[in-house]
Protein backbone atom coordinates (compact mmCIF):
# COMPACT_ATOMS: atom_id res chain seq x y z
CA MET A 1 -17.79 8.00 -3.54
CA ASN A 2 -17.35 4.36 -2.60
CA HIS A 3 -13.87 2.83 -2.52
CA THR A 4 -13.09 -0.89 -2.46
CA PHE A 5 -9.95 -2.22 -0.76
CA THR A 6 -8.79 -4.90 1.68
CA LEU A 7 -7.05 -4.57 5.04
CA VAL A 8 -4.94 -7.64 5.84
CA LEU A 9 -4.55 -8.14 9.59
CA ALA A 10 -1.34 -9.03 11.42
CA ALA A 11 -3.38 -10.10 14.44
CA PRO A 12 -5.49 -11.92 15.49
CA ARG A 13 -5.34 -15.22 13.60
CA THR A 14 -8.84 -16.59 14.15
CA ILE A 15 -12.41 -15.36 13.72
CA ASP A 16 -14.76 -15.60 16.67
CA PRO A 17 -18.15 -14.00 17.53
CA ALA A 18 -16.48 -11.42 19.80
CA LEU A 19 -14.28 -10.18 16.94
CA GLU A 20 -17.21 -10.05 14.53
CA GLU A 21 -19.18 -7.97 17.03
CA ALA A 22 -16.21 -5.68 17.71
CA VAL A 23 -15.77 -5.00 13.98
CA PHE A 24 -19.38 -3.89 13.80
CA GLU A 25 -19.18 -1.79 16.98
CA VAL A 26 -16.23 0.31 15.78
CA GLY A 27 -18.18 1.31 12.70
CA CYS A 28 -16.94 -1.22 10.15
CA ASP A 29 -20.37 -2.38 9.04
CA ASP A 30 -19.13 -1.63 5.52
CA ALA A 31 -16.57 -4.46 5.70
CA ALA A 32 -16.72 -8.24 5.33
CA LEU A 33 -14.46 -10.26 7.64
CA GLY A 34 -12.76 -13.29 6.11
CA ILE A 35 -9.80 -15.64 6.44
CA ARG A 36 -7.47 -17.27 3.90
CA GLY A 37 -4.37 -19.31 4.63
CA GLY A 38 -4.63 -18.54 8.33
CA THR A 39 -4.62 -14.77 7.74
CA LEU A 40 -7.58 -12.55 8.55
CA TYR A 41 -8.70 -9.72 6.30
CA LEU A 42 -11.45 -7.14 6.01
CA GLU A 43 -12.86 -6.30 2.58
CA PHE A 44 -14.15 -2.73 2.63
CA ASP A 45 -16.57 -0.83 0.45
CA ARG A 46 -16.24 2.56 2.16
CA ASP A 47 -17.72 5.92 1.28
CA ALA A 48 -15.22 8.79 1.46
CA ALA A 49 -14.05 11.78 -0.56
CA THR A 50 -10.83 10.00 -1.63
CA LEU A 51 -9.37 6.51 -1.51
CA LEU A 52 -6.69 7.67 0.93
CA LYS A 53 -9.28 9.04 3.36
CA ALA A 54 -11.26 5.81 3.09
CA ILE A 55 -8.21 3.65 3.83
CA LEU A 56 -6.95 5.77 6.73
CA SER A 57 -10.37 5.97 8.38
CA ALA A 58 -10.73 2.18 8.06
CA ILE A 59 -7.31 1.59 9.65
CA ARG A 60 -8.14 3.94 12.53
CA ASP A 61 -11.48 2.19 13.11
CA VAL A 62 -10.07 -1.35 12.95
CA GLN A 63 -7.13 -0.62 15.25
CA ARG A 64 -9.49 0.63 17.95
CA ILE A 65 -10.28 -3.05 18.53
CA PRO A 66 -7.99 -4.41 21.27
CA GLY A 67 -5.40 -6.81 19.88
CA VAL A 68 -6.11 -6.04 16.22
CA ARG A 69 -3.32 -4.66 14.02
CA VAL A 70 -3.33 -3.98 10.29
CA ALA A 71 -0.44 -5.54 8.36
CA HIS A 72 -1.00 -4.06 4.92
CA VAL A 73 -3.51 -2.85 2.38
CA GLU A 74 -4.40 -4.66 -0.82
CA PRO A 75 -4.53 -4.73 -3.86
CA ASP A 76 -0.90 -5.79 -3.73
CA GLU A 77 1.83 -3.25 -4.43
CA LEU A 78 4.29 -5.94 -5.51
CA VAL A 79 3.50 -7.51 -8.89
CA THR A 80 5.04 -10.08 -11.19
CA GLY A 81 5.34 -9.64 -14.94
CA ALA A 82 2.09 -11.57 -15.29
CA GLY A 83 0.43 -9.22 -12.82
CA ILE A 84 1.61 -6.19 -14.78
CA ALA A 85 0.26 -7.78 -17.95
CA ARG A 86 -3.19 -8.22 -16.36
CA ARG A 87 -3.29 -4.65 -15.06
CA MET A 88 -2.16 -3.20 -18.37
CA GLY A 89 -4.40 -5.43 -20.48
CA ARG A 90 -1.39 -6.72 -22.43
CA SER A 91 0.12 -10.13 -23.08
CA ARG A 92 2.94 -11.41 -20.87
CA GLU A 93 5.25 -11.39 -23.90
CA SER A 94 4.45 -7.73 -24.58
CA VAL A 95 5.28 -6.82 -20.97
CA ARG A 96 8.49 -8.86 -21.11
CA LEU A 97 9.63 -6.89 -24.16
CA LEU A 98 8.73 -3.60 -22.47
CA ALA A 99 10.67 -4.60 -19.35
CA GLU A 100 13.74 -5.54 -21.39
CA GLY A 101 13.56 -2.34 -23.44
CA SER A 102 13.14 -4.29 -26.68
CA ARG A 103 9.81 -2.55 -27.25
CA GLY A 104 8.43 0.80 -26.21
CA PRO A 105 10.24 3.81 -24.73
CA GLY A 106 12.66 1.87 -22.52
CA GLY A 107 13.96 3.05 -19.18
CA GLY A 108 11.33 1.17 -17.21
CA PRO A 109 11.57 0.60 -13.45
CA GLN A 110 14.01 -2.01 -12.21
CA PRO A 111 12.61 -5.14 -10.54
CA LEU A 112 13.09 -5.52 -6.80
CA THR A 113 14.15 -9.16 -7.26
CA GLY A 114 15.72 -11.14 -10.04
CA ALA A 115 19.23 -9.69 -10.10
CA SER A 116 20.45 -12.47 -7.79
CA GLY A 117 19.44 -15.17 -10.26
CA ARG A 118 15.92 -15.77 -8.97
CA ARG A 119 13.52 -16.69 -11.72
CA ILE A 120 10.56 -14.74 -10.32
CA ARG A 121 10.95 -10.98 -10.63
CA LEU A 122 8.82 -8.47 -8.70
CA TRP A 123 8.15 -4.80 -9.36
CA ARG A 124 6.44 -2.06 -7.35
CA TRP A 125 3.19 -1.31 -9.15
CA SER A 126 3.35 2.38 -8.16
CA GLU A 127 6.72 2.70 -9.95
CA VAL A 128 5.44 0.82 -12.99
CA LEU A 129 2.34 3.03 -13.07
CA GLU A 130 4.44 6.20 -12.93
CA TRP A 131 6.47 4.99 -15.91
CA ILE A 132 3.28 4.03 -17.79
CA GLU A 133 1.79 7.49 -17.25
CA GLN A 134 5.01 9.28 -18.21
CA HIS A 135 5.01 7.57 -21.59
CA GLY A 136 1.27 7.66 -22.30
CA LEU A 137 0.77 3.91 -22.21
CA GLU A 138 -2.61 2.42 -21.36
CA THR A 139 -3.51 0.52 -18.20
CA ARG A 140 -6.68 -0.94 -16.74
CA VAL A 141 -5.69 -0.40 -13.11
CA SER A 142 -4.40 2.98 -11.94
CA THR A 143 -6.50 4.35 -9.12
CA GLY A 144 -4.86 4.47 -5.72
CA ALA A 145 -1.54 2.77 -6.44
CA ARG A 146 0.57 5.55 -4.92
CA GLU A 147 -1.73 5.97 -1.92
CA ILE A 148 -1.68 2.25 -1.14
CA ALA A 149 2.11 2.14 -1.51
CA ALA A 150 2.49 5.08 0.90
CA VAL A 151 0.14 3.59 3.49
CA ASN A 152 1.86 0.21 3.33
CA GLY A 153 5.23 1.88 3.77
CA ALA A 154 3.95 3.72 6.82
CA LEU A 155 2.46 0.54 8.27
CA ALA A 156 5.72 -1.35 7.77
CA LEU A 157 7.72 1.45 9.36
CA THR A 158 5.42 1.56 12.37
CA ARG A 159 5.45 -2.22 12.75
CA HIS A 160 9.20 -2.76 12.50
CA ALA A 161 10.83 0.24 14.17
CA ASP A 162 10.63 1.95 17.54
CA PRO A 163 9.93 5.74 17.64
CA LYS A 164 13.62 6.74 17.72
CA ALA A 165 14.40 4.45 14.80
CA ARG A 166 11.46 5.83 12.82
CA ALA A 167 12.69 9.38 13.35
CA ALA A 168 16.22 8.41 12.32
CA ILE A 169 14.96 6.66 9.18
CA LEU A 170 12.87 9.65 8.14
CA GLU A 171 15.72 12.05 8.84
CA ALA A 172 18.06 9.95 6.68
CA ILE A 173 15.62 9.57 3.80
CA GLY A 174 14.46 13.17 3.81
CA PRO A 175 11.17 14.51 2.45
CA ALA A 176 10.09 13.18 -0.92
CA ALA A 177 7.98 16.18 -1.92
CA PRO A 178 4.59 14.65 -1.05
CA SER A 179 1.48 16.12 -2.57
CA PRO A 180 -0.23 18.63 -0.23
CA GLY A 181 -2.65 16.92 2.11
CA ASN A 182 -1.57 13.42 1.13
CA SER A 183 1.22 12.82 3.66
CA VAL A 184 0.73 9.50 5.43
CA PHE A 185 3.54 9.80 7.94
CA PRO A 186 5.63 12.83 8.99
CA THR A 187 8.60 13.94 6.97
CA ALA A 188 11.94 14.89 8.46
CA HIS A 189 10.83 18.54 8.24
CA ASP A 190 7.67 17.73 10.22
CA LEU A 191 9.68 15.96 12.92
CA ALA A 192 12.09 18.87 13.21
CA GLY A 193 9.18 21.25 13.66
CA GLN A 194 7.69 19.03 16.33
CA ARG A 195 10.99 19.01 18.23
CA ARG A 196 11.23 22.82 18.07
CA ALA A 197 7.66 23.13 19.35
CA ARG A 198 8.46 20.97 22.40
CA ARG A 199 11.43 23.12 23.45
């Protein structure tokens, strides 16, 4: 099955013939290299059993290129009310009423921003999707939201923390009961097992 997604790169910042050749040589002939706003990206159409396997194999391939690092995966996890409306196939007013609890089952996910007086509010699409599915609401976009959110979390953790900090963060958070076979980065239980094995 083919899966479509985009890898946004943290580095490099420019496209040159050497990079184009390297992308092909590591096996990414199923990707188109592009640039927007000074940021490079690779649009993939990759064949794999699942979206998660497609994304992880693409990240492994791309990061074999010296100097290339993946920043995050798109489609975006963070969405505005307008973005939710597009993905649900509803009007912005309908989504606003759902978010406020004036319509529908209520108890929807809280926005990540907006409580401090900012006019633009953002939600995590994976949390919105979970709420949508719990209450039997319809949406046009559902595939892969949780997988993309997990991969982006792992990428952010790897990019912003050293190994000791990563272990401490995972120990503090604790395992979140991941689905079997879908773990993107090790849980606290995994790390404890690895430490026991090294003794």
